Amino acid sequence: MLKGNIIAITSGKGGVGKSTVAVNLALTLSELGKKVAIIDLDIYGYSIPKILNITSKPKTMNNKIIPIGYNENISVMSMGFLLKGNEPVVWRGPMAGKMVGHFFEEVIWGKQDYFILDLPPGTGDMALDLHQKLPECQEIIVTTPHPNAVHVAERTGQMAKQTNHKIIGVVENMSYFKPNEMTRYNIFGQGGGETLSKNLETDLLAQIPLIAPNENGNPVVLIHDDLTLKKEYLAFTHCLLEKVSSKIAK
């Protein structure tokens, strides 16, 4: 059993930064002194190990799995830890669903303040099966401003409602690119997050910008690599904590 506040991160389609949002939310919560577990439930499209650059493998104790410790406050579990290299998962749905159950029941999580669940995108069999198996949780829908991403993400939000999960809000990722204080580019359009939150009758929690690549040409995606990103996620996380607290109080 998962003991703590459970927040699921999902999206309508891949490529919108769902897993990046999940990781940075966990990192920010950790910096605020919270104990956090990240569970990578995107079985076929696992990416958390790559984002966090974790190469170690989990150990076992008394036939239970010990999650990987990223720092003193974060524990992580992913399908990627159980495979060699970048192997694909070529299982049918029932087997993948069984593995999800192992992540909930066979991992020694202990007491956590927050569990961040990185769900598979979309409304297919795997996503639907997961929504039906999840313990009571609150969901964040991630989209970009692009109308097509918003259109697909709305269906994911409707599925969350139909499976009796509460949508706590929307995050608009890759919202804009601001190379300097005087210039702003809305590369993927604008207003998508506002539209989605309105259609789902929830709040727009954050608009996360694109950050310029580092000197090696690699994309900057983690809060400890960029001050602007850190400030945006700190504001987002404080907003989230207020909403989670208010819902718990009710």
C-alpha atoms as a PDB file:
ATOM      1  CA  MET A   1       0.000   0.000   0.000  1.00  0.00           C
ATOM      2  CA  LEU A   2       1.097   3.533  -0.792  1.00  0.00           C
ATOM      3  CA  LYS A   3       1.073   5.686   2.346  1.00  0.00           C
ATOM      4  CA  GLY A   4       1.112   9.364   1.446  1.00  0.00           C
ATOM      5  CA  ASN A   5      -0.467  11.904  -0.890  1.00  0.00           C
ATOM      6  CA  ILE A   6      -0.728  10.456  -4.396  1.00  0.00           C
ATOM      7  CA  ILE A   7      -0.412  12.745  -7.417  1.00  0.00           C
ATOM      8  CA  ALA A   8      -0.640  11.264 -10.904  1.00  0.00           C
ATOM      9  CA  ILE A   9       0.873  13.066 -13.896  1.00  0.00           C
ATOM     10  CA  THR A  10      -0.626  12.282 -17.292  1.00  0.00           C
ATOM     11  CA  SER A  11      -1.075  13.677 -20.794  1.00  0.00           C
ATOM     12  CA  GLY A  12      -3.005  13.091 -23.962  1.00  0.00           C
ATOM     13  CA  LYS A  13       0.027  12.227 -26.059  1.00  0.00           C
ATOM     14  CA  GLY A  14       3.741  11.646 -25.700  1.00  0.00           C
ATOM     15  CA  GLY A  15       6.340  14.333 -26.257  1.00  0.00           C
ATOM     16  CA  VAL A  16       4.699  17.093 -24.223  1.00  0.00           C
ATOM     17  CA  GLY A  17       7.077  16.739 -21.267  1.00  0.00           C
ATOM     18  CA  LYS A  18       4.886  14.735 -18.903  1.00  0.00           C
ATOM     19  CA  SER A  19       7.779  12.812 -17.358  1.00  0.00           C
ATOM     20  CA  THR A  20       9.918  15.950 -17.117  1.00  0.00           C
ATOM     21  CA  VAL A  21       7.130  17.677 -15.201  1.00  0.00           C
ATOM     22  CA  ALA A  22       6.829  14.660 -12.889  1.00  0.00           C
ATOM     23  CA  VAL A  23      10.567  14.618 -12.163  1.00  0.00           C
ATOM     24  CA  ASN A  24      10.877  18.363 -11.588  1.00  0.00           C
ATOM     25  CA  LEU A  25       7.845  18.384  -9.321  1.00  0.00           C
ATOM     26  CA  ALA A  26       9.478  15.627  -7.262  1.00  0.00           C
ATOM     27  CA  LEU A  27      12.805  17.478  -7.165  1.00  0.00           C
ATOM     28  CA  THR A  28      11.114  20.677  -6.008  1.00  0.00           C
ATOM     29  CA  LEU A  29       9.125  18.874  -3.329  1.00  0.00           C
ATOM     30  CA  SER A  30      12.374  17.290  -2.169  1.00  0.00           C
ATOM     31  CA  GLU A  31      14.066  20.681  -1.914  1.00  0.00           C
ATOM     32  CA  LEU A  32      11.137  21.830   0.223  1.00  0.00           C
ATOM     33  CA  GLY A  33      11.945  19.037   2.657  1.00  0.00           C
ATOM     34  CA  LYS A  34       9.295  16.545   1.548  1.00  0.00           C
ATOM     35  CA  LYS A  35       9.928  12.815   1.205  1.00  0.00           C
ATOM     36  CA  VAL A  36       8.949  11.828  -2.318  1.00  0.00           C
ATOM     37  CA  ALA A  37       8.613   8.616  -4.321  1.00  0.00           C
ATOM     38  CA  ILE A  38       8.565   8.634  -8.122  1.00  0.00           C
ATOM     39  CA  ILE A  39       6.870   5.625  -9.704  1.00  0.00           C
ATOM     40  CA  ASP A  40       7.409   5.389 -13.461  1.00  0.00           C
ATOM     41  CA  LEU A  41       4.210   3.661 -14.585  1.00  0.00           C
ATOM     42  CA  ASP A  42       4.755   4.417 -18.273  1.00  0.00           C
ATOM     43  CA  ILE A  43       5.744   0.773 -18.734  1.00  0.00           C
ATOM     44  CA  TYR A  44       6.244   0.884 -22.512  1.00  0.00           C
ATOM     45  CA  GLY A  45       7.678   4.400 -22.651  1.00  0.00           C
ATOM     46  CA  TYR A  46       9.707   4.539 -19.419  1.00  0.00           C
ATOM     47  CA  SER A  47      12.060   7.536 -19.273  1.00  0.00           C
ATOM     48  CA  ILE A  48      12.622   8.473 -15.626  1.00  0.00           C
ATOM     49  CA  PRO A  49      16.001   6.649 -15.354  1.00  0.00           C
ATOM     50  CA  LYS A  50      17.297   8.557 -18.394  1.00  0.00           C
ATOM     51  CA  ILE A  51      16.032  11.939 -17.176  1.00  0.00           C
ATOM     52  CA  LEU A  52      17.672  11.461 -13.769  1.00  0.00           C
ATOM     53  CA  ASN A  53      20.723   9.697 -15.240  1.00  0.00           C
ATOM     54  CA  ILE A  54      20.302   6.716 -12.920  1.00  0.00           C
ATOM     55  CA  THR A  55      22.258   3.637 -14.011  1.00  0.00           C
ATOM     56  CA  SER A  56      22.123   1.557 -10.824  1.00  0.00           C
ATOM     57  CA  LYS A  57      19.758  -1.366 -10.292  1.00  0.00           C
ATOM     58  CA  PRO A  58      17.427  -1.957  -7.343  1.00  0.00           C
ATOM     59  CA  LYS A  59      18.287  -4.522  -4.681  1.00  0.00           C
ATOM     60  CA  THR A  60      15.937  -6.901  -2.908  1.00  0.00           C
ATOM     61  CA  MET A  61      15.297  -7.716   0.724  1.00  0.00           C
ATOM     62  CA  ASN A  62      13.034 -10.529   1.929  1.00  0.00           C
ATOM     63  CA  ASN A  63      11.649 -10.924  -1.620  1.00  0.00           C
ATOM     64  CA  LYS A  64      10.749  -7.227  -1.726  1.00  0.00           C
ATOM     65  CA  ILE A  65      12.284  -4.577  -3.989  1.00  0.00           C
ATOM     66  CA  ILE A  66      14.233  -1.671  -2.511  1.00  0.00           C
ATOM     67  CA  PRO A  67      13.662   1.433  -4.676  1.00  0.00           C
ATOM     68  CA  ILE A  68      16.598   3.444  -5.984  1.00  0.00           C
ATOM     69  CA  GLY A  69      17.517   6.442  -3.869  1.00  0.00           C
ATOM     70  CA  TYR A  70      18.164   9.537  -5.985  1.00  0.00           C
ATOM     71  CA  ASN A  71      18.959  11.709  -2.999  1.00  0.00           C
ATOM     72  CA  GLU A  72      18.109  11.540   0.683  1.00  0.00           C
ATOM     73  CA  ASN A  73      14.485  12.513   0.037  1.00  0.00           C
ATOM     74  CA  ILE A  74      13.627  10.804  -3.284  1.00  0.00           C
ATOM     75  CA  SER A  75      12.997   7.112  -4.005  1.00  0.00           C
ATOM     76  CA  VAL A  76      12.486   5.923  -7.586  1.00  0.00           C
ATOM     77  CA  MET A  77      11.131   2.816  -9.301  1.00  0.00           C
ATOM     78  CA  SER A  78      10.875   2.234 -13.040  1.00  0.00           C
ATOM     79  CA  MET A  79      10.577  -0.585 -15.529  1.00  0.00           C
ATOM     80  CA  GLY A  80      13.847   0.708 -16.930  1.00  0.00           C
ATOM     81  CA  PHE A  81      15.685  -0.546 -13.841  1.00  0.00           C
ATOM     82  CA  LEU A  82      14.624  -4.120 -14.579  1.00  0.00           C
ATOM     83  CA  LEU A  83      15.846  -4.307 -18.185  1.00  0.00           C
ATOM     84  CA  LYS A  84      19.217  -4.383 -19.884  1.00  0.00           C
ATOM     85  CA  GLY A  85      20.183  -1.213 -21.674  1.00  0.00           C
ATOM     86  CA  ASN A  86      17.367   0.349 -23.681  1.00  0.00           C
ATOM     87  CA  GLU A  87      15.396  -2.850 -24.245  1.00  0.00           C
ATOM     88  CA  PRO A  88      11.760  -2.486 -25.309  1.00  0.00           C
ATOM     89  CA  VAL A  89       8.930  -3.955 -23.265  1.00  0.00           C
ATOM     90  CA  VAL A  90       7.161  -6.398 -25.579  1.00  0.00           C
ATOM     91  CA  TRP A  91       4.468  -7.574 -23.203  1.00  0.00           C
ATOM     92  CA  ARG A  92       0.749  -7.616 -23.733  1.00  0.00           C
ATOM     93  CA  GLY A  93      -1.451  -5.568 -21.427  1.00  0.00           C
ATOM     94  CA  PRO A  94      -2.140  -8.144 -18.676  1.00  0.00           C
ATOM     95  CA  MET A  95       1.574  -8.732 -18.035  1.00  0.00           C
ATOM     96  CA  ALA A  96       2.294  -4.992 -17.951  1.00  0.00           C
ATOM     97  CA  GLY A  97      -0.638  -4.499 -15.591  1.00  0.00           C
ATOM     98  CA  LYS A  98       0.755  -7.180 -13.303  1.00  0.00           C
ATOM     99  CA  MET A  99       4.071  -5.336 -13.148  1.00  0.00           C
ATOM    100  CA  VAL A 100       2.274  -2.178 -12.071  1.00  0.00           C
ATOM    101  CA  GLY A 101       0.794  -4.156  -9.190  1.00  0.00           C
ATOM    102  CA  HIS A 102       4.313  -5.206  -8.181  1.00  0.00           C
ATOM    103  CA  PHE A 103       5.386  -1.559  -8.089  1.00  0.00           C
ATOM    104  CA  PHE A 104       2.587  -0.821  -5.623  1.00  0.00           C
ATOM    105  CA  GLU A 105       2.750  -3.945  -3.482  1.00  0.00           C
ATOM    106  CA  GLU A 106       6.231  -5.468  -3.775  1.00  0.00           C
ATOM    107  CA  VAL A 107       8.377  -2.355  -3.344  1.00  0.00           C
ATOM    108  CA  ILE A 108       9.433  -1.200   0.123  1.00  0.00           C
ATOM    109  CA  TRP A 109       8.299   2.416  -0.064  1.00  0.00           C
ATOM    110  CA  GLY A 110       7.900   3.193   3.593  1.00  0.00           C
ATOM    111  CA  LYS A 111       6.183   6.413   4.602  1.00  0.00           C
ATOM    112  CA  GLN A 112       6.349   9.114   1.959  1.00  0.00           C
ATOM    113  CA  ASP A 113       4.878  12.599   1.958  1.00  0.00           C
ATOM    114  CA  TYR A 114       4.126  12.394  -1.770  1.00  0.00           C
ATOM    115  CA  PHE A 115       3.977   9.715  -4.435  1.00  0.00           C
ATOM    116  CA  ILE A 116       4.407  11.100  -7.955  1.00  0.00           C
ATOM    117  CA  LEU A 117       3.025   8.651 -10.523  1.00  0.00           C
ATOM    118  CA  ASP A 118       4.158   9.082 -14.123  1.00  0.00           C
ATOM    119  CA  LEU A 119       1.271   7.534 -16.074  1.00  0.00           C
ATOM    120  CA  PRO A 120       1.256   6.396 -19.712  1.00  0.00           C
ATOM    121  CA  PRO A 121      -0.218   8.996 -22.082  1.00  0.00           C
ATOM    122  CA  GLY A 122      -3.562   8.713 -23.839  1.00  0.00           C
ATOM    123  CA  THR A 123      -6.726   6.737 -23.213  1.00  0.00           C
ATOM    124  CA  GLY A 124      -5.752   3.295 -24.508  1.00  0.00           C
ATOM    125  CA  ASP A 125      -5.992  -0.051 -22.723  1.00  0.00           C
ATOM    126  CA  MET A 126      -2.896   0.471 -20.572  1.00  0.00           C
ATOM    127  CA  ALA A 127      -3.878   3.963 -19.460  1.00  0.00           C
ATOM    128  CA  LEU A 128      -7.469   2.919 -18.754  1.00  0.00           C
ATOM    129  CA  ASP A 129      -6.378  -0.188 -16.861  1.00  0.00           C
ATOM    130  CA  LEU A 130      -4.055   1.913 -14.722  1.00  0.00           C
ATOM    131  CA  HIS A 131      -6.746   4.462 -13.939  1.00  0.00           C
ATOM    132  CA  GLN A 132      -8.980   1.656 -12.733  1.00  0.00           C
ATOM    133  CA  LYS A 133      -6.222   0.132 -10.569  1.00  0.00           C
ATOM    134  CA  LEU A 134      -4.877   3.322  -9.049  1.00  0.00           C
ATOM    135  CA  PRO A 135      -5.568   4.087  -5.434  1.00  0.00           C
ATOM    136  CA  GLU A 136      -7.450   7.327  -4.812  1.00  0.00           C
ATOM    137  CA  CYS A 137      -5.331  10.120  -6.203  1.00  0.00           C
ATOM    138  CA  GLN A 138      -5.321  13.571  -7.731  1.00  0.00           C
ATOM    139  CA  GLU A 139      -4.236  14.145 -11.320  1.00  0.00           C
ATOM    140  CA  ILE A 140      -2.348  16.800 -13.216  1.00  0.00           C
ATOM    141  CA  ILE A 141      -2.850  16.962 -16.985  1.00  0.00           C
ATOM    142  CA  VAL A 142       0.199  18.117 -18.982  1.00  0.00           C
ATOM    143  CA  THR A 143      -0.145  19.721 -22.398  1.00  0.00           C
ATOM    144  CA  THR A 144       1.684  22.123 -24.678  1.00  0.00           C
ATOM    145  CA  PRO A 145      -0.084  25.252 -25.996  1.00  0.00           C
ATOM    146  CA  HIS A 146      -0.600  23.590 -29.392  1.00  0.00           C
ATOM    147  CA  PRO A 147      -4.291  23.060 -30.238  1.00  0.00           C
ATOM    148  CA  ASN A 148      -3.760  19.424 -31.250  1.00  0.00           C
ATOM    149  CA  ALA A 149      -2.083  18.584 -27.934  1.00  0.00           C
ATOM    150  CA  VAL A 150      -4.889  20.321 -26.057  1.00  0.00           C
ATOM    151  CA  HIS A 151      -7.557  18.482 -28.047  1.00  0.00           C
ATOM    152  CA  VAL A 152      -6.065  15.085 -27.183  1.00  0.00           C
ATOM    153  CA  ALA A 153      -5.315  16.013 -23.561  1.00  0.00           C
ATOM    154  CA  GLU A 154      -8.955  16.876 -22.974  1.00  0.00           C
ATOM    155  CA  ARG A 155      -9.921  13.265 -23.663  1.00  0.00           C
ATOM    156  CA  THR A 156      -7.416  12.114 -21.033  1.00  0.00           C
ATOM    157  CA  GLY A 157      -8.950  14.495 -18.542  1.00  0.00           C
ATOM    158  CA  GLN A 158     -12.430  13.200 -19.300  1.00  0.00           C
ATOM    159  CA  MET A 159     -11.206   9.644 -18.729  1.00  0.00           C
ATOM    160  CA  ALA A 160      -9.805  10.661 -15.357  1.00  0.00           C
ATOM    161  CA  LYS A 161     -13.195  12.049 -14.377  1.00  0.00           C
ATOM    162  CA  GLN A 162     -15.004   8.931 -15.614  1.00  0.00           C
ATOM    163  CA  THR A 163     -12.763   6.752 -13.436  1.00  0.00           C
ATOM    164  CA  ASN A 164     -13.477   8.953 -10.384  1.00  0.00           C
ATOM    165  CA  HIS A 165     -10.083  10.629 -10.105  1.00  0.00           C
ATOM    166  CA  LYS A 166      -9.885  14.292  -9.197  1.00  0.00           C
ATOM    167  CA  ILE A 167      -8.128  16.635 -11.612  1.00  0.00           C
ATOM    168  CA  ILE A 168      -6.184  19.104  -9.528  1.00  0.00           C
ATOM    169  CA  GLY A 169      -5.080  21.194 -12.489  1.00  0.00           C
ATOM    170  CA  VAL A 170      -3.323  21.630 -15.830  1.00  0.00           C
ATOM    171  CA  VAL A 171       0.343  22.343 -16.562  1.00  0.00           C
ATOM    172  CA  GLU A 172       1.147  24.000 -19.886  1.00  0.00           C
ATOM    173  CA  ASN A 173       4.673  22.858 -20.750  1.00  0.00           C
ATOM    174  CA  MET A 174       6.907  24.400 -23.466  1.00  0.00           C
ATOM    175  CA  SER A 175       4.673  27.412 -23.018  1.00  0.00           C
ATOM    176  CA  TYR A 176       7.063  29.957 -24.539  1.00  0.00           C
ATOM    177  CA  PHE A 177      10.719  30.650 -25.240  1.00  0.00           C
ATOM    178  CA  LYS A 178      12.255  33.794 -23.791  1.00  0.00           C
ATOM    179  CA  PRO A 179      15.909  34.251 -24.848  1.00  0.00           C
ATOM    180  CA  ASN A 180      16.053  37.605 -23.037  1.00  0.00           C
ATOM    181  CA  GLU A 181      13.823  39.945 -21.047  1.00  0.00           C
ATOM    182  CA  MET A 182      12.719  41.841 -24.147  1.00  0.00           C
ATOM    183  CA  THR A 183      11.842  38.927 -26.430  1.00  0.00           C
ATOM    184  CA  ARG A 184       9.299  36.140 -26.144  1.00  0.00           C
ATOM    185  CA  TYR A 185       8.402  33.499 -28.729  1.00  0.00           C
ATOM    186  CA  ASN A 186       5.200  31.447 -28.511  1.00  0.00           C
ATOM    187  CA  ILE A 187       6.651  28.602 -30.538  1.00  0.00           C
ATOM    188  CA  PHE A 188       3.717  26.214 -30.089  1.00  0.00           C
ATOM    189  CA  GLY A 189       1.012  28.882 -30.017  1.00  0.00           C
ATOM    190  CA  GLN A 190      -0.624  30.240 -26.913  1.00  0.00           C
ATOM    191  CA  GLY A 191      -3.708  29.842 -24.775  1.00  0.00           C
ATOM    192  CA  GLY A 192      -3.805  26.049 -24.895  1.00  0.00           C
ATOM    193  CA  GLY A 193      -3.436  25.534 -21.152  1.00  0.00           C
ATOM    194  CA  GLU A 194      -6.154  28.067 -20.411  1.00  0.00           C
ATOM    195  CA  THR A 195      -8.483  26.385 -22.904  1.00  0.00           C
ATOM    196  CA  LEU A 196      -7.848  22.921 -21.469  1.00  0.00           C
ATOM    197  CA  SER A 197      -8.310  23.998 -17.860  1.00  0.00           C
ATOM    198  CA  LYS A 198     -11.555  25.744 -18.766  1.00  0.00           C
ATOM    199  CA  ASN A 199     -12.883  22.716 -20.650  1.00  0.00           C
ATOM    200  CA  LEU A 200     -11.996  20.407 -17.744  1.00  0.00           C
ATOM    201  CA  GLU A 201     -13.325  22.871 -15.157  1.00  0.00           C
ATOM    202  CA  THR A 202     -10.041  23.018 -13.290  1.00  0.00           C
ATOM    203  CA  ASP A 203      -7.134  25.420 -12.764  1.00  0.00           C
ATOM    204  CA  LEU A 204      -4.099  26.263 -14.858  1.00  0.00           C
ATOM    205  CA  LEU A 205      -1.317  25.591 -12.359  1.00  0.00           C
ATOM    206  CA  ALA A 206       1.742  26.636 -14.363  1.00  0.00           C
ATOM    207  CA  GLN A 207       3.091  27.709 -17.730  1.00  0.00           C
ATOM    208  CA  ILE A 208       6.590  26.247 -17.971  1.00  0.00           C
ATOM    209  CA  PRO A 209       8.920  27.823 -20.563  1.00  0.00           C
ATOM    210  CA  LEU A 210      11.342  26.208 -22.953  1.00  0.00           C
ATOM    211  CA  ILE A 211      14.936  26.736 -21.850  1.00  0.00           C
ATOM    212  CA  ALA A 212      17.821  27.262 -24.283  1.00  0.00           C
ATOM    213  CA  PRO A 213      20.188  24.278 -24.708  1.00  0.00           C
ATOM    214  CA  ASN A 214      23.378  24.268 -22.658  1.00  0.00           C
ATOM    215  CA  GLU A 215      26.839  24.869 -24.092  1.00  0.00           C
ATOM    216  CA  ASN A 216      27.008  21.235 -25.246  1.00  0.00           C
ATOM    217  CA  GLY A 217      23.767  21.564 -27.186  1.00  0.00           C
ATOM    218  CA  ASN A 218      21.828  19.358 -24.785  1.00  0.00           C
ATOM    219  CA  PRO A 219      18.326  20.388 -23.717  1.00  0.00           C
ATOM    220  CA  VAL A 220      18.014  21.793 -20.207  1.00  0.00           C
ATOM    221  CA  VAL A 221      15.151  20.025 -18.437  1.00  0.00           C
ATOM    222  CA  LEU A 222      16.054  19.785 -14.735  1.00  0.00           C
ATOM    223  CA  ILE A 223      15.552  22.545 -12.190  1.00  0.00           C
ATOM    224  CA  HIS A 224      19.071  22.293 -10.779  1.00  0.00           C
ATOM    225  CA  ASP A 225      20.455  23.223 -14.220  1.00  0.00           C
ATOM    226  CA  ASP A 226      18.585  26.504 -14.706  1.00  0.00           C
ATOM    227  CA  LEU A 227      17.461  29.226 -12.294  1.00  0.00           C
ATOM    228  CA  THR A 228      14.447  30.277 -14.385  1.00  0.00           C
ATOM    229  CA  LEU A 229      13.159  26.709 -14.505  1.00  0.00           C
ATOM    230  CA  LYS A 230      13.723  26.372 -10.764  1.00  0.00           C
ATOM    231  CA  LYS A 231      11.696  29.520 -10.014  1.00  0.00           C
ATOM    232  CA  GLU A 232       8.820  28.391 -12.257  1.00  0.00           C
ATOM    233  CA  TYR A 233       8.617  24.968 -10.618  1.00  0.00           C
ATOM    234  CA  LEU A 234       8.875  26.455  -7.139  1.00  0.00           C
ATOM    235  CA  ALA A 235       5.847  28.673  -7.835  1.00  0.00           C
ATOM    236  CA  PHE A 236       3.989  25.714  -9.381  1.00  0.00           C
ATOM    237  CA  THR A 237       4.782  23.450  -6.425  1.00  0.00           C
ATOM    238  CA  HIS A 238       3.648  25.993  -3.827  1.00  0.00           C
ATOM    239  CA  CYS A 239       0.383  26.379  -5.757  1.00  0.00           C
ATOM    240  CA  LEU A 240       0.000  22.608  -5.872  1.00  0.00           C
ATOM    241  CA  LEU A 241       0.670  22.186  -2.150  1.00  0.00           C
ATOM    242  CA  GLU A 242      -2.054  24.683  -1.323  1.00  0.00           C
ATOM    243  CA  LYS A 243      -4.565  22.814  -3.479  1.00  0.00           C
ATOM    244  CA  VAL A 244      -3.613  19.391  -2.151  1.00  0.00           C
ATOM    245  CA  SER A 245      -3.870  20.674   1.435  1.00  0.00           C
ATOM    246  CA  SER A 246      -7.273  22.240   0.796  1.00  0.00           C
ATOM    247  CA  LYS A 247      -8.608  19.052  -0.759  1.00  0.00           C
ATOM    248  CA  ILE A 248      -7.314  16.983   2.157  1.00  0.00           C
ATOM    249  CA  ALA A 249      -8.929  19.403   4.586  1.00  0.00           C
ATOM    250  CA  LYS A 250     -12.297  18.899   2.914  1.00  0.00           C
END
